[in-house]
Amino acid sequence: KELRSSVSELKTHLDQNNQVSDDDRQSLEELAGRVELMLAQDREHWEENLVDELEKRVILYEEDHPVIARVIRQIIVTLNNMGL
């Protein structure tokens, strides 16, 4: 539930933030979609490199888009708490 909330928050920030480039927005929406897809499936099918990709995004966005970086960090923490 917490993970769904964080993904929803990320999408909301992407919709409201017109300073995120179209490429970045598309990339982040794709990552959010991958998290949502994995939530809908069995936990055994989690992508192993998803957390690594999310961590890279935090580094990319923490200076110019700190709110987006914070939400991505929340997603990472939740995934880690789930044992992923």
C-alpha atoms as a PDB file:
ATOM      1  CA  LYS A   1       0.000   0.000   0.000  1.00  0.00           C
ATOM      2  CA  GLU A   2       2.832   2.396   0.886  1.00  0.00           C
ATOM      3  CA  LEU A   3       4.584   1.560  -2.360  1.00  0.00           C
ATOM      4  CA  ARG A   4       1.444   2.244  -4.405  1.00  0.00           C
ATOM      5  CA  SER A   5       1.077   5.569  -2.620  1.00  0.00           C
ATOM      6  CA  SER A   6       4.670   6.575  -3.398  1.00  0.00           C
ATOM      7  CA  VAL A   7       4.314   5.610  -7.069  1.00  0.00           C
ATOM      8  CA  SER A   8       1.100   7.619  -7.255  1.00  0.00           C
ATOM      9  CA  GLU A   9       2.847  10.594  -5.630  1.00  0.00           C
ATOM     10  CA  LEU A  10       5.681  10.351  -8.171  1.00  0.00           C
ATOM     11  CA  LYS A  11       3.215  10.398 -11.059  1.00  0.00           C
ATOM     12  CA  THR A  12       1.423  13.382  -9.553  1.00  0.00           C
ATOM     13  CA  HIS A  13       4.671  15.333  -9.240  1.00  0.00           C
ATOM     14  CA  LEU A  14       5.568  14.483 -12.829  1.00  0.00           C
ATOM     15  CA  ASP A  15       2.173  15.725 -14.009  1.00  0.00           C
ATOM     16  CA  GLN A  16       2.482  18.968 -12.056  1.00  0.00           C
ATOM     17  CA  ASN A  17       6.149  19.740 -12.732  1.00  0.00           C
ATOM     18  CA  ASN A  18       6.600  21.350 -16.128  1.00  0.00           C
ATOM     19  CA  GLN A  19      10.351  21.748 -15.597  1.00  0.00           C
ATOM     20  CA  VAL A  20      11.029  18.038 -16.089  1.00  0.00           C
ATOM     21  CA  SER A  21      12.103  17.359 -19.664  1.00  0.00           C
ATOM     22  CA  ASP A  22       9.880  15.169 -21.815  1.00  0.00           C
ATOM     23  CA  ASP A  23      12.582  12.479 -21.963  1.00  0.00           C
ATOM     24  CA  ASP A  24      12.999  12.471 -18.180  1.00  0.00           C
ATOM     25  CA  ARG A  25       9.250  12.437 -17.649  1.00  0.00           C
ATOM     26  CA  GLN A  26       8.843   9.499 -20.021  1.00  0.00           C
ATOM     27  CA  SER A  27      11.708   7.611 -18.382  1.00  0.00           C
ATOM     28  CA  LEU A  28      10.346   8.163 -14.872  1.00  0.00           C
ATOM     29  CA  GLU A  29       6.818   7.241 -15.928  1.00  0.00           C
ATOM     30  CA  GLU A  30       8.215   4.031 -17.415  1.00  0.00           C
ATOM     31  CA  LEU A  31       9.985   3.219 -14.139  1.00  0.00           C
ATOM     32  CA  ALA A  32       6.788   3.928 -12.189  1.00  0.00           C
ATOM     33  CA  GLY A  33       4.903   1.664 -14.570  1.00  0.00           C
ATOM     34  CA  ARG A  34       7.426  -1.125 -14.021  1.00  0.00           C
ATOM     35  CA  VAL A  35       6.942  -0.839 -10.253  1.00  0.00           C
ATOM     36  CA  GLU A  36       3.157  -0.928 -10.700  1.00  0.00           C
ATOM     37  CA  LEU A  37       3.400  -3.945 -12.990  1.00  0.00           C
ATOM     38  CA  MET A  38       5.502  -5.796 -10.443  1.00  0.00           C
ATOM     39  CA  LEU A  39       3.033  -4.912  -7.696  1.00  0.00           C
ATOM     40  CA  ALA A  40       0.294  -6.542  -9.747  1.00  0.00           C
ATOM     41  CA  GLN A  41       2.354  -9.707 -10.175  1.00  0.00           C
ATOM     42  CA  ASP A  42       3.802 -12.243  -7.787  1.00  0.00           C
ATOM     43  CA  ARG A  43       6.799 -10.964  -5.769  1.00  0.00           C
ATOM     44  CA  GLU A  44       8.987 -13.667  -7.307  1.00  0.00           C
ATOM     45  CA  HIS A  45       8.977 -11.719 -10.562  1.00  0.00           C
ATOM     46  CA  TRP A  46      10.603  -8.516  -9.307  1.00  0.00           C
ATOM     47  CA  GLU A  47      13.242  -7.058 -11.590  1.00  0.00           C
ATOM     48  CA  GLU A  48      16.617  -7.281  -9.912  1.00  0.00           C
ATOM     49  CA  ASN A  49      18.006  -4.091 -11.431  1.00  0.00           C
ATOM     50  CA  LEU A  50      15.008  -1.875 -10.679  1.00  0.00           C
ATOM     51  CA  VAL A  51      16.371  -0.573  -7.350  1.00  0.00           C
ATOM     52  CA  ASP A  52      19.711   0.209  -9.036  1.00  0.00           C
ATOM     53  CA  GLU A  53      17.926   2.188 -11.723  1.00  0.00           C
ATOM     54  CA  LEU A  54      15.877   4.059  -9.123  1.00  0.00           C
ATOM     55  CA  GLU A  55      19.036   4.897  -7.161  1.00  0.00           C
ATOM     56  CA  LYS A  56      20.611   6.337 -10.319  1.00  0.00           C
ATOM     57  CA  ARG A  57      17.524   8.521 -10.793  1.00  0.00           C
ATOM     58  CA  VAL A  58      17.816   9.887  -7.249  1.00  0.00           C
ATOM     59  CA  ILE A  59      21.347  11.045  -8.028  1.00  0.00           C
ATOM     60  CA  LEU A  60      20.251  12.584 -11.331  1.00  0.00           C
ATOM     61  CA  TYR A  61      17.301  14.491  -9.877  1.00  0.00           C
ATOM     62  CA  GLU A  62      18.265  15.412  -6.329  1.00  0.00           C
ATOM     63  CA  GLU A  63      19.718  18.793  -7.291  1.00  0.00           C
ATOM     64  CA  ASP A  64      17.216  20.039  -9.883  1.00  0.00           C
ATOM     65  CA  HIS A  65      14.109  18.152  -8.721  1.00  0.00           C
ATOM     66  CA  PRO A  66      14.472  17.410  -4.992  1.00  0.00           C
ATOM     67  CA  VAL A  67      10.811  16.494  -4.477  1.00  0.00           C
ATOM     68  CA  ILE A  68      10.958  13.882  -7.222  1.00  0.00           C
ATOM     69  CA  ALA A  69      14.226  12.548  -5.781  1.00  0.00           C
ATOM     70  CA  ARG A  70      12.610  12.299  -2.326  1.00  0.00           C
ATOM     71  CA  VAL A  71       9.662  10.323  -3.683  1.00  0.00           C
ATOM     72  CA  ILE A  72      11.997   7.964  -5.553  1.00  0.00           C
ATOM     73  CA  ARG A  73      13.952   7.495  -2.300  1.00  0.00           C
ATOM     74  CA  GLN A  74      10.674   6.563  -0.566  1.00  0.00           C
ATOM     75  CA  ILE A  75      10.049   3.937  -3.238  1.00  0.00           C
ATOM     76  CA  ILE A  76      13.558   2.524  -2.756  1.00  0.00           C
ATOM     77  CA  VAL A  77      13.174   2.378   1.035  1.00  0.00           C
ATOM     78  CA  THR A  78       9.820   0.626   0.697  1.00  0.00           C
ATOM     79  CA  LEU A  79      11.266  -1.897  -1.759  1.00  0.00           C
ATOM     80  CA  ASN A  80      14.200  -2.519   0.593  1.00  0.00           C
ATOM     81  CA  ASN A  81      11.803  -3.012   3.500  1.00  0.00           C
ATOM     82  CA  MET A  82      10.018  -5.619   1.380  1.00  0.00           C
ATOM     83  CA  GLY A  83      13.310  -7.463   1.051  1.00  0.00           C
ATOM     84  CA  LEU A  84      14.083  -6.428  -2.507  1.00  0.00           C
END
